[in-house]
N, C-alpha and C. Protein backbone atom coordinates (compact mmCIF):
# COMPACT_ATOMS: atom_id res chain seq x y z
N UNK A 1 82.97 59.74 104.35
CA UNK A 1 81.85 58.52 104.55
C UNK A 1 80.86 59.26 103.65
N UNK A 2 80.45 58.35 102.64
CA UNK A 2 79.34 58.62 101.72
C UNK A 2 77.95 58.49 102.48
N UNK A 3 77.51 59.59 102.31
CA UNK A 3 76.09 59.61 103.17
C UNK A 3 74.92 59.52 101.92
N UNK A 4 73.65 59.01 102.14
CA UNK A 4 72.47 58.97 101.51
C UNK A 4 71.29 60.00 102.13
N UNK A 5 70.53 59.88 101.22
CA UNK A 5 69.20 60.93 101.35
C UNK A 5 68.51 60.03 102.65
N UNK A 6 68.74 58.68 102.86
CA UNK A 6 68.39 57.90 104.17
C UNK A 6 68.73 58.24 105.47
N UNK A 7 70.45 58.54 105.10
CA UNK A 7 71.26 59.00 106.35
C UNK A 7 70.40 60.42 106.82
N UNK A 8 70.23 61.28 106.05
CA UNK A 8 69.72 62.75 106.08
C UNK A 8 68.35 63.05 106.97
N UNK A 9 67.44 61.55 106.04
CA UNK A 9 65.88 61.42 106.92
C UNK A 9 66.18 61.00 108.48
N UNK A 10 66.92 60.00 108.52
CA UNK A 10 67.55 59.53 109.94
C UNK A 10 67.86 60.47 110.60
N UNK A 11 68.92 61.11 110.59
CA UNK A 11 69.27 62.49 111.34
C UNK A 11 68.02 63.10 111.85
N UNK A 12 67.18 63.78 110.82
CA UNK A 12 66.11 64.52 110.83
C UNK A 12 65.26 63.98 111.68
N UNK A 13 64.96 63.19 111.68
CA UNK A 13 64.11 62.30 112.64
C UNK A 13 64.46 62.24 114.17
N UNK A 14 65.56 61.99 113.85
CA UNK A 14 65.96 61.86 115.36
C UNK A 14 66.23 63.41 116.10
N UNK A 15 66.46 64.13 115.18
CA UNK A 15 66.71 65.89 115.85
C UNK A 15 65.22 66.17 116.41
N UNK A 16 63.87 65.60 115.41
CA UNK A 16 62.60 65.97 115.97
C UNK A 16 62.53 65.18 117.42
N UNK A 17 62.53 64.02 117.59
CA UNK A 17 62.47 63.45 118.84
C UNK A 17 63.01 63.64 119.61
N UNK A 18 64.41 64.58 119.66
CA UNK A 18 65.30 65.16 120.55
C UNK A 18 64.45 66.28 120.95
N UNK A 19 63.94 66.76 120.19
CA UNK A 19 63.61 68.09 120.14
C UNK A 19 61.86 68.42 120.90
N UNK A 20 61.19 66.97 120.82
CA UNK A 20 59.93 66.77 121.27
C UNK A 20 60.04 66.26 122.55
N UNK A 21 61.28 65.93 122.96
CA UNK A 21 61.01 65.19 124.43
C UNK A 21 61.54 64.03 124.58
N UNK A 22 62.39 63.28 123.61
CA UNK A 22 63.00 61.84 123.68
C UNK A 22 64.10 62.10 124.62
N UNK A 23 64.66 60.95 125.50
CA UNK A 23 65.73 61.34 126.33
C UNK A 23 67.15 60.98 125.34
N UNK A 24 66.54 59.65 124.38
CA UNK A 24 68.04 59.35 123.48
C UNK A 24 67.42 58.80 122.71
N UNK A 25 68.14 59.18 121.64
CA UNK A 25 67.98 58.18 120.18
C UNK A 25 68.94 57.65 119.41
N UNK A 26 68.68 56.65 118.74
CA UNK A 26 69.40 55.70 118.07
C UNK A 26 69.45 56.49 116.43
N UNK A 27 70.56 56.43 115.65
CA UNK A 27 70.50 57.01 114.34
C UNK A 27 71.63 55.95 113.55
N UNK A 28 71.06 55.52 112.77
CA UNK A 28 71.34 54.08 111.77
C UNK A 28 72.36 55.44 110.56
N UNK A 29 73.43 55.38 110.75
CA UNK A 29 74.29 55.67 109.45
C UNK A 29 74.75 54.93 108.47
N UNK A 30 74.24 54.07 107.59
CA UNK A 30 75.12 53.23 106.74
C UNK A 30 75.17 52.04 107.45
N UNK A 31 75.93 51.16 107.92
CA UNK A 31 76.30 50.09 109.15
C UNK A 31 76.44 50.18 110.09
N UNK A 32 76.18 51.46 110.51
CA UNK A 32 76.76 51.99 112.19
C UNK A 32 75.51 52.43 112.76
N UNK A 33 75.54 52.25 114.33
CA UNK A 33 74.28 52.76 114.44
C UNK A 33 74.57 53.29 115.76
N UNK A 34 74.46 54.61 115.98
CA UNK A 34 74.87 55.68 116.65
C UNK A 34 74.00 56.14 118.15
N UNK A 35 73.87 56.44 119.19
CA UNK A 35 72.87 56.87 120.27
C UNK A 35 73.26 58.43 120.47
N UNK A 36 72.40 58.89 120.32
CA UNK A 36 72.57 60.60 120.88
C UNK A 36 71.52 60.61 121.95
N UNK A 37 71.98 61.81 122.92
CA UNK A 37 71.40 61.67 124.18
C UNK A 37 70.86 63.06 123.80
N UNK A 38 69.86 63.67 124.82
CA UNK A 38 69.18 65.13 124.49
C UNK A 38 70.41 66.53 124.52
N UNK A 39 71.27 66.24 125.27
CA UNK A 39 72.44 67.18 125.08
C UNK A 39 73.39 67.33 124.07
N UNK A 40 73.27 66.31 122.94
CA UNK A 40 74.31 66.15 121.97
C UNK A 40 73.27 66.55 120.92
N UNK A 41 72.08 67.32 120.86
CA UNK A 41 71.40 67.54 119.77
C UNK A 41 72.31 68.79 118.65
N UNK A 42 73.23 69.16 119.06
CA UNK A 42 73.66 70.40 118.44
C UNK A 42 74.80 69.34 117.45
N UNK A 43 75.39 67.85 118.01
CA UNK A 43 76.19 67.49 117.18
C UNK A 43 75.16 66.96 116.42
N UNK A 44 73.77 66.46 116.42
CA UNK A 44 73.09 66.05 115.37
C UNK A 44 72.59 66.93 114.04
N UNK A 45 72.76 68.30 114.51
CA UNK A 45 72.15 69.42 113.54
C UNK A 45 73.76 69.81 112.88
N UNK A 46 74.95 69.39 113.45
CA UNK A 46 76.02 69.96 112.43
C UNK A 46 76.63 68.44 111.58
N UNK A 47 76.05 67.39 112.36
CA UNK A 47 75.52 66.14 111.70
C UNK A 47 74.69 66.26 109.93
N UNK A 48 73.70 66.88 110.54
CA UNK A 48 72.72 66.94 109.10
C UNK A 48 73.28 68.16 108.42
N UNK A 49 73.76 69.25 108.88
CA UNK A 49 74.51 70.07 108.13
C UNK A 49 75.75 69.41 107.03
N UNK A 50 76.49 68.60 107.74
CA UNK A 50 77.75 67.79 106.66
C UNK A 50 77.12 67.18 105.64
N UNK A 51 75.86 66.28 105.70
CA UNK A 51 75.22 65.60 104.65
C UNK A 51 74.51 65.96 104.21
N UNK A 52 74.03 67.32 104.38
CA UNK A 52 72.78 68.12 102.75
C UNK A 52 74.54 68.41 102.02
N UNK A 53 75.37 69.32 103.11
CA UNK A 53 76.38 69.75 102.30
C UNK A 53 77.40 68.69 101.07
N UNK A 54 77.34 67.26 101.59
CA UNK A 54 78.02 66.32 100.96
C UNK A 54 76.83 65.93 99.73
N UNK A 55 75.77 65.69 100.21
CA UNK A 55 74.32 65.34 99.04
C UNK A 55 74.75 66.45 97.81
N UNK A 56 74.25 68.08 98.40
CA UNK A 56 74.46 68.88 97.35
C UNK A 56 75.57 68.85 96.44
N UNK A 57 76.73 68.66 96.91
CA UNK A 57 78.10 68.55 96.38
C UNK A 57 78.45 67.37 95.07
N UNK A 58 77.85 66.32 95.44
CA UNK A 58 77.70 65.17 95.08
C UNK A 58 76.69 65.38 93.94
N UNK A 59 75.72 66.10 93.97
CA UNK A 59 74.28 66.36 92.96
C UNK A 59 75.11 67.08 91.84
N UNK A 60 75.94 68.10 92.48
CA UNK A 60 76.24 68.86 91.11
C UNK A 60 75.31 69.81 90.76
N UNK A 61 75.85 70.80 90.06
CA UNK A 61 74.93 71.64 89.16
C UNK A 61 74.93 71.32 87.56
N UNK A 62 73.77 71.71 86.96
CA UNK A 62 74.01 72.08 85.78
C UNK A 62 74.25 73.11 85.28
N UNK A 63 75.06 73.18 84.45
CA UNK A 63 75.07 74.90 84.25
C UNK A 63 75.11 74.90 82.62
N UNK A 64 74.72 76.01 82.00
CA UNK A 64 74.15 76.27 81.00
C UNK A 64 74.77 77.86 80.46
N UNK A 65 75.25 77.99 79.17
CA UNK A 65 75.27 79.34 79.03
C UNK A 65 74.42 79.55 77.63
N UNK A 66 73.64 80.68 78.47
CA UNK A 66 72.09 81.35 77.37
C UNK A 66 73.01 82.33 76.18
N UNK A 67 72.78 82.20 75.24
CA UNK A 67 73.26 82.94 74.00
C UNK A 67 72.70 84.03 73.53
N UNK A 68 72.44 85.15 73.31
CA UNK A 68 71.68 86.07 72.61
C UNK A 68 72.22 86.72 71.76
N UNK A 69 71.56 87.32 70.55
CA UNK A 69 72.19 87.82 69.58
C UNK A 69 71.26 88.64 68.87
N UNK A 70 71.63 89.81 68.27
CA UNK A 70 70.96 91.06 67.72
C UNK A 70 70.74 90.92 66.39
N UNK A 71 71.56 89.96 65.72
CA UNK A 71 71.76 90.08 64.02
C UNK A 71 71.32 88.81 63.51
N UNK A 72 71.02 87.95 64.45
CA UNK A 72 70.36 86.93 64.17
C UNK A 72 71.36 85.80 63.84
N UNK A 73 71.14 84.06 63.96
CA UNK A 73 72.52 83.85 63.37
C UNK A 73 72.39 83.00 62.26
């Protein structure tokens, strides 16, 4: 599943809600609506890690090579 930054924001908001006393939260991921109870906060944390990993892999890093010479070019 391709995740978006909005999905990450929704999951993080759900984690905060459960950590501050909510008994149940609902998370929207794409076209899905998933409910999590306070006992499932670890599942949400795992999901957050998966989303972050996928978003970072999709963004990719720009690599460059820095060259330095002592005799000039």
